[in-house]
Protein backbone atom coordinates (compact mmCIF):
# COMPACT_ATOMS: atom_id res chain seq x y z
CA UNK A 1 0.00 0.00 0.00
CA UNK A 2 1.32 3.44 -0.95
CA UNK A 3 1.79 5.69 2.09
CA UNK A 4 2.43 9.23 0.86
CA UNK A 5 3.59 11.79 3.36
CA UNK A 6 5.64 14.95 3.49
CA UNK A 7 8.43 16.53 5.51
CA UNK A 8 10.44 19.71 4.91
CA UNK A 9 14.16 20.37 5.23
CA UNK A 10 16.30 23.47 5.32
CA UNK A 11 20.06 23.30 5.17
CA UNK A 12 22.25 24.86 2.58
CA UNK A 13 21.19 26.30 -0.71
CA UNK A 14 17.82 24.97 -1.80
CA UNK A 15 19.29 24.07 -5.21
CA UNK A 16 21.54 21.57 -3.44
CA UNK A 17 18.84 20.29 -1.11
CA UNK A 18 16.40 19.91 -3.99
CA UNK A 19 18.88 17.87 -6.08
CA UNK A 20 19.85 15.61 -3.18
CA UNK A 21 16.27 14.61 -2.46
CA UNK A 22 15.18 14.43 -6.12
CA UNK A 23 17.80 11.70 -6.56
CA UNK A 24 16.15 9.36 -4.04
CA UNK A 25 13.86 6.42 -4.73
CA UNK A 26 10.58 6.90 -2.91
CA UNK A 27 10.65 10.69 -3.11
CA UNK A 28 8.16 11.63 -5.78
CA UNK A 29 8.08 15.43 -5.52
CA UNK A 30 10.42 18.09 -4.14
CA UNK A 31 9.07 21.62 -3.82
CA UNK A 32 11.90 24.16 -3.76
CA UNK A 33 11.41 27.51 -2.09
CA UNK A 34 11.35 29.26 1.24
CA UNK A 35 9.83 28.06 4.50
CA UNK A 36 8.82 29.95 7.61
CA UNK A 37 8.15 28.43 10.99
CA UNK A 38 6.71 30.25 13.98
CA UNK A 39 7.81 32.77 16.61
CA UNK A 40 11.52 33.65 16.31
CA UNK A 41 11.79 31.47 13.19
CA UNK A 42 8.92 33.09 11.32
CA UNK A 43 11.24 34.61 8.71
CA UNK A 44 11.62 32.66 5.48
CA UNK A 45 14.75 30.64 4.75
CA UNK A 46 15.70 28.42 1.82
CA UNK A 47 14.21 24.94 2.11
CA UNK A 48 12.35 22.15 0.35
CA UNK A 49 9.19 20.16 0.99
CA UNK A 50 9.53 16.45 0.19
CA UNK A 51 6.58 14.31 -0.78
CA UNK A 52 7.58 10.69 -0.32
CA UNK A 53 6.32 7.16 0.06
CA UNK A 54 7.10 6.18 3.65
CA UNK A 55 7.03 2.49 2.73
CA UNK A 56 9.80 3.05 0.16
CA UNK A 57 12.04 5.35 2.19
CA UNK A 58 11.91 6.03 5.91
CA UNK A 59 12.05 9.32 7.74
CA UNK A 60 15.19 7.98 9.42
CA UNK A 61 16.98 7.63 6.07
CA UNK A 62 15.76 11.05 4.90
CA UNK A 63 17.00 12.74 8.07
CA UNK A 64 20.35 10.96 7.93
CA UNK A 65 20.83 12.05 4.32
CA UNK A 66 19.83 15.59 5.25
CA UNK A 67 22.36 15.72 8.10
CA UNK A 68 25.17 14.36 5.92
CA UNK A 69 24.59 16.59 2.90
CA UNK A 70 24.72 20.03 4.49
CA UNK A 71 26.72 21.67 7.26
CA UNK A 72 24.53 20.33 10.05
CA UNK A 73 27.13 21.09 12.73
CA UNK A 74 28.12 24.58 11.58
CA UNK A 75 26.52 27.72 13.04
CA UNK A 76 27.90 29.86 10.21
CA UNK A 77 26.91 33.47 9.57
CA UNK A 78 24.37 32.60 6.86
CA UNK A 79 22.07 30.54 9.11
CA UNK A 80 19.22 33.07 8.76
CA UNK A 81 19.14 32.40 5.03
CA UNK A 82 20.11 28.72 5.34
CA UNK A 83 18.45 27.49 8.54
CA UNK A 84 19.50 23.93 9.45
CA UNK A 85 16.04 22.57 10.06
CA UNK A 86 13.52 19.79 9.88
CA UNK A 87 10.01 21.19 9.52
CA UNK A 88 7.29 18.84 10.73
CA UNK A 89 3.64 18.54 9.75
CA UNK A 90 2.40 16.47 12.72
CA UNK A 91 3.17 15.87 16.40
CA UNK A 92 4.26 12.32 15.57
CA UNK A 93 6.75 13.64 12.99
CA UNK A 94 8.09 16.13 15.52
CA UNK A 95 8.69 13.40 18.11
CA UNK A 96 10.31 11.06 15.58
CA UNK A 97 12.56 13.80 14.17
CA UNK A 98 13.75 14.84 17.65
CA UNK A 99 14.48 11.21 18.57
CA UNK A 100 16.36 10.63 15.32
CA UNK A 101 18.53 13.72 15.84
CA UNK A 102 19.54 12.35 19.26
CA UNK A 103 20.20 8.95 17.70
CA UNK A 104 22.48 10.41 15.01
CA UNK A 105 24.39 12.82 17.28
CA UNK A 106 27.06 10.26 18.33
CA UNK A 107 27.99 9.80 14.65
CA UNK A 108 29.10 13.43 14.40
CA UNK A 109 32.23 14.87 15.95
CA UNK A 110 30.57 18.24 16.65
CA UNK A 111 27.14 19.08 18.03
CA UNK A 112 24.31 18.96 15.50
CA UNK A 113 22.71 22.39 15.22
CA UNK A 114 19.76 21.14 13.18
CA UNK A 115 16.50 22.11 14.86
CA UNK A 116 13.00 20.68 14.59
CA UNK A 117 10.39 23.35 13.86
CA UNK A 118 6.69 23.43 13.07
CA UNK A 119 5.96 24.12 9.42
CA UNK A 120 4.07 27.38 9.01
CA UNK A 121 4.29 28.76 5.47
CA UNK A 122 5.88 28.05 2.10
CA UNK A 123 6.74 30.29 -0.85
CA UNK A 124 7.83 28.48 -4.00
CA UNK A 125 10.95 29.62 -5.83
CA UNK A 126 10.40 31.25 -9.16
CA UNK A 127 9.96 28.74 -11.98
CA UNK A 128 13.26 29.65 -13.65
CA UNK A 129 15.31 28.21 -10.75
CA UNK A 130 13.16 25.19 -9.85
CA UNK A 131 14.71 21.84 -10.80
CA UNK A 132 17.97 23.75 -11.01
CA UNK A 133 20.29 20.75 -11.16
CA UNK A 134 18.19 18.93 -13.75
CA UNK A 135 18.27 22.00 -15.98
CA UNK A 136 21.94 22.95 -15.34
CA UNK A 137 24.06 19.91 -14.37
CA UNK A 138 27.18 21.27 -16.06
CA UNK A 139 27.07 24.75 -14.51
CA UNK A 140 30.02 25.49 -12.21
CA UNK A 141 27.74 25.77 -9.16
CA UNK A 142 26.37 22.28 -9.76
CA UNK A 143 29.80 20.79 -10.36
CA UNK A 144 31.28 22.44 -7.27
CA UNK A 145 28.47 22.07 -4.73
CA UNK A 146 25.87 19.53 -5.87
CA UNK A 147 27.98 16.82 -7.53
CA UNK A 148 30.01 16.12 -4.35
CA UNK A 149 26.76 15.60 -2.44
CA UNK A 150 25.48 13.23 -5.12
CA UNK A 151 28.77 11.31 -5.04
CA UNK A 152 28.40 10.97 -1.25
CA UNK A 153 24.90 9.56 -1.78
CA UNK A 154 26.19 7.09 -4.38
CA UNK A 155 28.87 5.96 -1.96
CA UNK A 156 26.91 5.83 1.32
CA UNK A 157 23.25 5.46 0.29
CA UNK A 158 23.43 3.65 -3.06
CA UNK A 159 20.41 1.45 -2.39
CA UNK A 160 18.24 4.59 -2.10
CA UNK A 161 19.47 6.34 -5.26
CA UNK A 162 17.56 6.67 -8.50
CA UNK A 163 20.57 6.41 -10.82
CA UNK A 164 18.50 7.75 -13.73
CA UNK A 165 18.59 11.15 -12.00
CA UNK A 166 22.36 11.27 -11.53
CA UNK A 167 24.46 12.00 -14.64
CA UNK A 168 26.61 9.08 -15.79
CA UNK A 169 29.65 11.37 -15.61
CA UNK A 170 29.61 11.29 -11.81
CA UNK A 171 28.52 7.67 -11.29
C-alpha atoms as a PDB file:
ATOM      1  CA  UNK A   1       0.000   0.000   0.000  1.00  0.00           C
ATOM      2  CA  UNK A   2       1.316   3.436  -0.950  1.00  0.00           C
ATOM      3  CA  UNK A   3       1.789   5.687   2.093  1.00  0.00           C
ATOM      4  CA  UNK A   4       2.432   9.227   0.859  1.00  0.00           C
ATOM      5  CA  UNK A   5       3.592  11.786   3.361  1.00  0.00           C
ATOM      6  CA  UNK A   6       5.645  14.950   3.487  1.00  0.00           C
ATOM      7  CA  UNK A   7       8.435  16.533   5.510  1.00  0.00           C
ATOM      8  CA  UNK A   8      10.437  19.705   4.907  1.00  0.00           C
ATOM      9  CA  UNK A   9      14.164  20.370   5.227  1.00  0.00           C
ATOM     10  CA  UNK A  10      16.297  23.473   5.323  1.00  0.00           C
ATOM     11  CA  UNK A  11      20.058  23.305   5.171  1.00  0.00           C
ATOM     12  CA  UNK A  12      22.250  24.859   2.577  1.00  0.00           C
ATOM     13  CA  UNK A  13      21.185  26.297  -0.713  1.00  0.00           C
ATOM     14  CA  UNK A  14      17.818  24.968  -1.804  1.00  0.00           C
ATOM     15  CA  UNK A  15      19.288  24.068  -5.213  1.00  0.00           C
ATOM     16  CA  UNK A  16      21.540  21.567  -3.438  1.00  0.00           C
ATOM     17  CA  UNK A  17      18.839  20.295  -1.112  1.00  0.00           C
ATOM     18  CA  UNK A  18      16.405  19.911  -3.995  1.00  0.00           C
ATOM     19  CA  UNK A  19      18.884  17.870  -6.079  1.00  0.00           C
ATOM     20  CA  UNK A  20      19.850  15.605  -3.178  1.00  0.00           C
ATOM     21  CA  UNK A  21      16.274  14.612  -2.464  1.00  0.00           C
ATOM     22  CA  UNK A  22      15.182  14.433  -6.116  1.00  0.00           C
ATOM     23  CA  UNK A  23      17.796  11.703  -6.556  1.00  0.00           C
ATOM     24  CA  UNK A  24      16.147   9.355  -4.040  1.00  0.00           C
ATOM     25  CA  UNK A  25      13.859   6.424  -4.730  1.00  0.00           C
ATOM     26  CA  UNK A  26      10.577   6.899  -2.910  1.00  0.00           C
ATOM     27  CA  UNK A  27      10.654  10.693  -3.112  1.00  0.00           C
ATOM     28  CA  UNK A  28       8.159  11.635  -5.784  1.00  0.00           C
ATOM     29  CA  UNK A  29       8.078  15.426  -5.516  1.00  0.00           C
ATOM     30  CA  UNK A  30      10.418  18.092  -4.139  1.00  0.00           C
ATOM     31  CA  UNK A  31       9.070  21.616  -3.820  1.00  0.00           C
ATOM     32  CA  UNK A  32      11.899  24.156  -3.759  1.00  0.00           C
ATOM     33  CA  UNK A  33      11.412  27.506  -2.085  1.00  0.00           C
ATOM     34  CA  UNK A  34      11.351  29.264   1.240  1.00  0.00           C
ATOM     35  CA  UNK A  35       9.832  28.056   4.505  1.00  0.00           C
ATOM     36  CA  UNK A  36       8.819  29.948   7.613  1.00  0.00           C
ATOM     37  CA  UNK A  37       8.151  28.426  10.992  1.00  0.00           C
ATOM     38  CA  UNK A  38       6.707  30.252  13.982  1.00  0.00           C
ATOM     39  CA  UNK A  39       7.807  32.766  16.613  1.00  0.00           C
ATOM     40  CA  UNK A  40      11.522  33.648  16.314  1.00  0.00           C
ATOM     41  CA  UNK A  41      11.788  31.473  13.193  1.00  0.00           C
ATOM     42  CA  UNK A  42       8.915  33.093  11.316  1.00  0.00           C
ATOM     43  CA  UNK A  43      11.241  34.614   8.709  1.00  0.00           C
ATOM     44  CA  UNK A  44      11.621  32.661   5.480  1.00  0.00           C
ATOM     45  CA  UNK A  45      14.752  30.637   4.750  1.00  0.00           C
ATOM     46  CA  UNK A  46      15.702  28.415   1.824  1.00  0.00           C
ATOM     47  CA  UNK A  47      14.210  24.940   2.106  1.00  0.00           C
ATOM     48  CA  UNK A  48      12.346  22.149   0.345  1.00  0.00           C
ATOM     49  CA  UNK A  49       9.191  20.159   0.992  1.00  0.00           C
ATOM     50  CA  UNK A  50       9.526  16.455   0.190  1.00  0.00           C
ATOM     51  CA  UNK A  51       6.581  14.310  -0.778  1.00  0.00           C
ATOM     52  CA  UNK A  52       7.584  10.691  -0.324  1.00  0.00           C
ATOM     53  CA  UNK A  53       6.325   7.159   0.065  1.00  0.00           C
ATOM     54  CA  UNK A  54       7.098   6.182   3.648  1.00  0.00           C
ATOM     55  CA  UNK A  55       7.029   2.491   2.730  1.00  0.00           C
ATOM     56  CA  UNK A  56       9.800   3.049   0.164  1.00  0.00           C
ATOM     57  CA  UNK A  57      12.038   5.350   2.185  1.00  0.00           C
ATOM     58  CA  UNK A  58      11.910   6.026   5.906  1.00  0.00           C
ATOM     59  CA  UNK A  59      12.049   9.321   7.736  1.00  0.00           C
ATOM     60  CA  UNK A  60      15.185   7.976   9.419  1.00  0.00           C
ATOM     61  CA  UNK A  61      16.978   7.628   6.067  1.00  0.00           C
ATOM     62  CA  UNK A  62      15.756  11.046   4.902  1.00  0.00           C
ATOM     63  CA  UNK A  63      17.005  12.742   8.067  1.00  0.00           C
ATOM     64  CA  UNK A  64      20.354  10.956   7.934  1.00  0.00           C
ATOM     65  CA  UNK A  65      20.825  12.053   4.323  1.00  0.00           C
ATOM     66  CA  UNK A  66      19.825  15.588   5.250  1.00  0.00           C
ATOM     67  CA  UNK A  67      22.357  15.717   8.104  1.00  0.00           C
ATOM     68  CA  UNK A  68      25.165  14.359   5.922  1.00  0.00           C
ATOM     69  CA  UNK A  69      24.585  16.586   2.897  1.00  0.00           C
ATOM     70  CA  UNK A  70      24.717  20.027   4.493  1.00  0.00           C
ATOM     71  CA  UNK A  71      26.718  21.666   7.264  1.00  0.00           C
ATOM     72  CA  UNK A  72      24.532  20.327  10.051  1.00  0.00           C
ATOM     73  CA  UNK A  73      27.131  21.086  12.728  1.00  0.00           C
ATOM     74  CA  UNK A  74      28.120  24.580  11.579  1.00  0.00           C
ATOM     75  CA  UNK A  75      26.522  27.716  13.039  1.00  0.00           C
ATOM     76  CA  UNK A  76      27.898  29.863  10.215  1.00  0.00           C
ATOM     77  CA  UNK A  77      26.911  33.470   9.569  1.00  0.00           C
ATOM     78  CA  UNK A  78      24.370  32.597   6.856  1.00  0.00           C
ATOM     79  CA  UNK A  79      22.066  30.542   9.109  1.00  0.00           C
ATOM     80  CA  UNK A  80      19.222  33.067   8.763  1.00  0.00           C
ATOM     81  CA  UNK A  81      19.142  32.396   5.028  1.00  0.00           C
ATOM     82  CA  UNK A  82      20.109  28.722   5.341  1.00  0.00           C
ATOM     83  CA  UNK A  83      18.452  27.494   8.540  1.00  0.00           C
ATOM     84  CA  UNK A  84      19.499  23.935   9.445  1.00  0.00           C
ATOM     85  CA  UNK A  85      16.037  22.574  10.058  1.00  0.00           C
ATOM     86  CA  UNK A  86      13.518  19.793   9.884  1.00  0.00           C
ATOM     87  CA  UNK A  87      10.011  21.190   9.518  1.00  0.00           C
ATOM     88  CA  UNK A  88       7.292  18.843  10.733  1.00  0.00           C
ATOM     89  CA  UNK A  89       3.639  18.540   9.745  1.00  0.00           C
ATOM     90  CA  UNK A  90       2.404  16.467  12.723  1.00  0.00           C
ATOM     91  CA  UNK A  91       3.170  15.873  16.397  1.00  0.00           C
ATOM     92  CA  UNK A  92       4.263  12.320  15.569  1.00  0.00           C
ATOM     93  CA  UNK A  93       6.754  13.641  12.987  1.00  0.00           C
ATOM     94  CA  UNK A  94       8.086  16.128  15.523  1.00  0.00           C
ATOM     95  CA  UNK A  95       8.691  13.404  18.110  1.00  0.00           C
ATOM     96  CA  UNK A  96      10.312  11.056  15.580  1.00  0.00           C
ATOM     97  CA  UNK A  97      12.564  13.796  14.172  1.00  0.00           C
ATOM     98  CA  UNK A  98      13.754  14.845  17.648  1.00  0.00           C
ATOM     99  CA  UNK A  99      14.477  11.209  18.571  1.00  0.00           C
ATOM    100  CA  UNK A 100      16.365  10.633  15.317  1.00  0.00           C
ATOM    101  CA  UNK A 101      18.532  13.721  15.839  1.00  0.00           C
ATOM    102  CA  UNK A 102      19.536  12.353  19.258  1.00  0.00           C
ATOM    103  CA  UNK A 103      20.201   8.946  17.699  1.00  0.00           C
ATOM    104  CA  UNK A 104      22.481  10.411  15.007  1.00  0.00           C
ATOM    105  CA  UNK A 105      24.385  12.825  17.280  1.00  0.00           C
ATOM    106  CA  UNK A 106      27.062  10.255  18.328  1.00  0.00           C
ATOM    107  CA  UNK A 107      27.988   9.803  14.646  1.00  0.00           C
ATOM    108  CA  UNK A 108      29.096  13.435  14.397  1.00  0.00           C
ATOM    109  CA  UNK A 109      32.230  14.871  15.947  1.00  0.00           C
ATOM    110  CA  UNK A 110      30.573  18.244  16.653  1.00  0.00           C
ATOM    111  CA  UNK A 111      27.144  19.075  18.027  1.00  0.00           C
ATOM    112  CA  UNK A 112      24.314  18.960  15.497  1.00  0.00           C
ATOM    113  CA  UNK A 113      22.707  22.388  15.217  1.00  0.00           C
ATOM    114  CA  UNK A 114      19.756  21.139  13.176  1.00  0.00           C
ATOM    115  CA  UNK A 115      16.499  22.114  14.862  1.00  0.00           C
ATOM    116  CA  UNK A 116      13.003  20.685  14.592  1.00  0.00           C
ATOM    117  CA  UNK A 117      10.389  23.355  13.862  1.00  0.00           C
ATOM    118  CA  UNK A 118       6.694  23.427  13.073  1.00  0.00           C
ATOM    119  CA  UNK A 119       5.957  24.120   9.416  1.00  0.00           C
ATOM    120  CA  UNK A 120       4.070  27.383   9.006  1.00  0.00           C
ATOM    121  CA  UNK A 121       4.289  28.760   5.472  1.00  0.00           C
ATOM    122  CA  UNK A 122       5.879  28.055   2.097  1.00  0.00           C
ATOM    123  CA  UNK A 123       6.743  30.286  -0.846  1.00  0.00           C
ATOM    124  CA  UNK A 124       7.833  28.482  -4.000  1.00  0.00           C
ATOM    125  CA  UNK A 125      10.953  29.621  -5.833  1.00  0.00           C
ATOM    126  CA  UNK A 126      10.398  31.246  -9.163  1.00  0.00           C
ATOM    127  CA  UNK A 127       9.956  28.736 -11.978  1.00  0.00           C
ATOM    128  CA  UNK A 128      13.264  29.650 -13.647  1.00  0.00           C
ATOM    129  CA  UNK A 129      15.313  28.207 -10.754  1.00  0.00           C
ATOM    130  CA  UNK A 130      13.165  25.195  -9.855  1.00  0.00           C
ATOM    131  CA  UNK A 131      14.706  21.843 -10.803  1.00  0.00           C
ATOM    132  CA  UNK A 132      17.973  23.749 -11.010  1.00  0.00           C
ATOM    133  CA  UNK A 133      20.287  20.748 -11.155  1.00  0.00           C
ATOM    134  CA  UNK A 134      18.187  18.926 -13.746  1.00  0.00           C
ATOM    135  CA  UNK A 135      18.272  22.004 -15.976  1.00  0.00           C
ATOM    136  CA  UNK A 136      21.940  22.952 -15.342  1.00  0.00           C
ATOM    137  CA  UNK A 137      24.061  19.913 -14.372  1.00  0.00           C
ATOM    138  CA  UNK A 138      27.183  21.271 -16.059  1.00  0.00           C
ATOM    139  CA  UNK A 139      27.070  24.750 -14.512  1.00  0.00           C
ATOM    140  CA  UNK A 140      30.024  25.487 -12.210  1.00  0.00           C
ATOM    141  CA  UNK A 141      27.737  25.769  -9.158  1.00  0.00           C
ATOM    142  CA  UNK A 142      26.374  22.276  -9.759  1.00  0.00           C
ATOM    143  CA  UNK A 143      29.804  20.788 -10.364  1.00  0.00           C
ATOM    144  CA  UNK A 144      31.282  22.440  -7.274  1.00  0.00           C
ATOM    145  CA  UNK A 145      28.474  22.068  -4.733  1.00  0.00           C
ATOM    146  CA  UNK A 146      25.874  19.532  -5.869  1.00  0.00           C
ATOM    147  CA  UNK A 147      27.984  16.815  -7.534  1.00  0.00           C
ATOM    148  CA  UNK A 148      30.008  16.122  -4.349  1.00  0.00           C
ATOM    149  CA  UNK A 149      26.756  15.602  -2.439  1.00  0.00           C
ATOM    150  CA  UNK A 150      25.476  13.228  -5.119  1.00  0.00           C
ATOM    151  CA  UNK A 151      28.765  11.309  -5.037  1.00  0.00           C
ATOM    152  CA  UNK A 152      28.398  10.969  -1.251  1.00  0.00           C
ATOM    153  CA  UNK A 153      24.904   9.562  -1.784  1.00  0.00           C
ATOM    154  CA  UNK A 154      26.188   7.093  -4.379  1.00  0.00           C
ATOM    155  CA  UNK A 155      28.867   5.959  -1.957  1.00  0.00           C
ATOM    156  CA  UNK A 156      26.906   5.827   1.316  1.00  0.00           C
ATOM    157  CA  UNK A 157      23.246   5.460   0.287  1.00  0.00           C
ATOM    158  CA  UNK A 158      23.428   3.653  -3.064  1.00  0.00           C
ATOM    159  CA  UNK A 159      20.410   1.447  -2.389  1.00  0.00           C
ATOM    160  CA  UNK A 160      18.237   4.586  -2.103  1.00  0.00           C
ATOM    161  CA  UNK A 161      19.469   6.341  -5.259  1.00  0.00           C
ATOM    162  CA  UNK A 162      17.565   6.673  -8.502  1.00  0.00           C
ATOM    163  CA  UNK A 163      20.568   6.410 -10.820  1.00  0.00           C
ATOM    164  CA  UNK A 164      18.500   7.748 -13.732  1.00  0.00           C
ATOM    165  CA  UNK A 165      18.590  11.151 -12.001  1.00  0.00           C
ATOM    166  CA  UNK A 166      22.358  11.266 -11.532  1.00  0.00           C
ATOM    167  CA  UNK A 167      24.456  11.996 -14.640  1.00  0.00           C
ATOM    168  CA  UNK A 168      26.605   9.077 -15.790  1.00  0.00           C
ATOM    169  CA  UNK A 169      29.648  11.369 -15.608  1.00  0.00           C
ATOM    170  CA  UNK A 170      29.609  11.292 -11.806  1.00  0.00           C
ATOM    171  CA  UNK A 171      28.520   7.669 -11.294  1.00  0.00           C
END
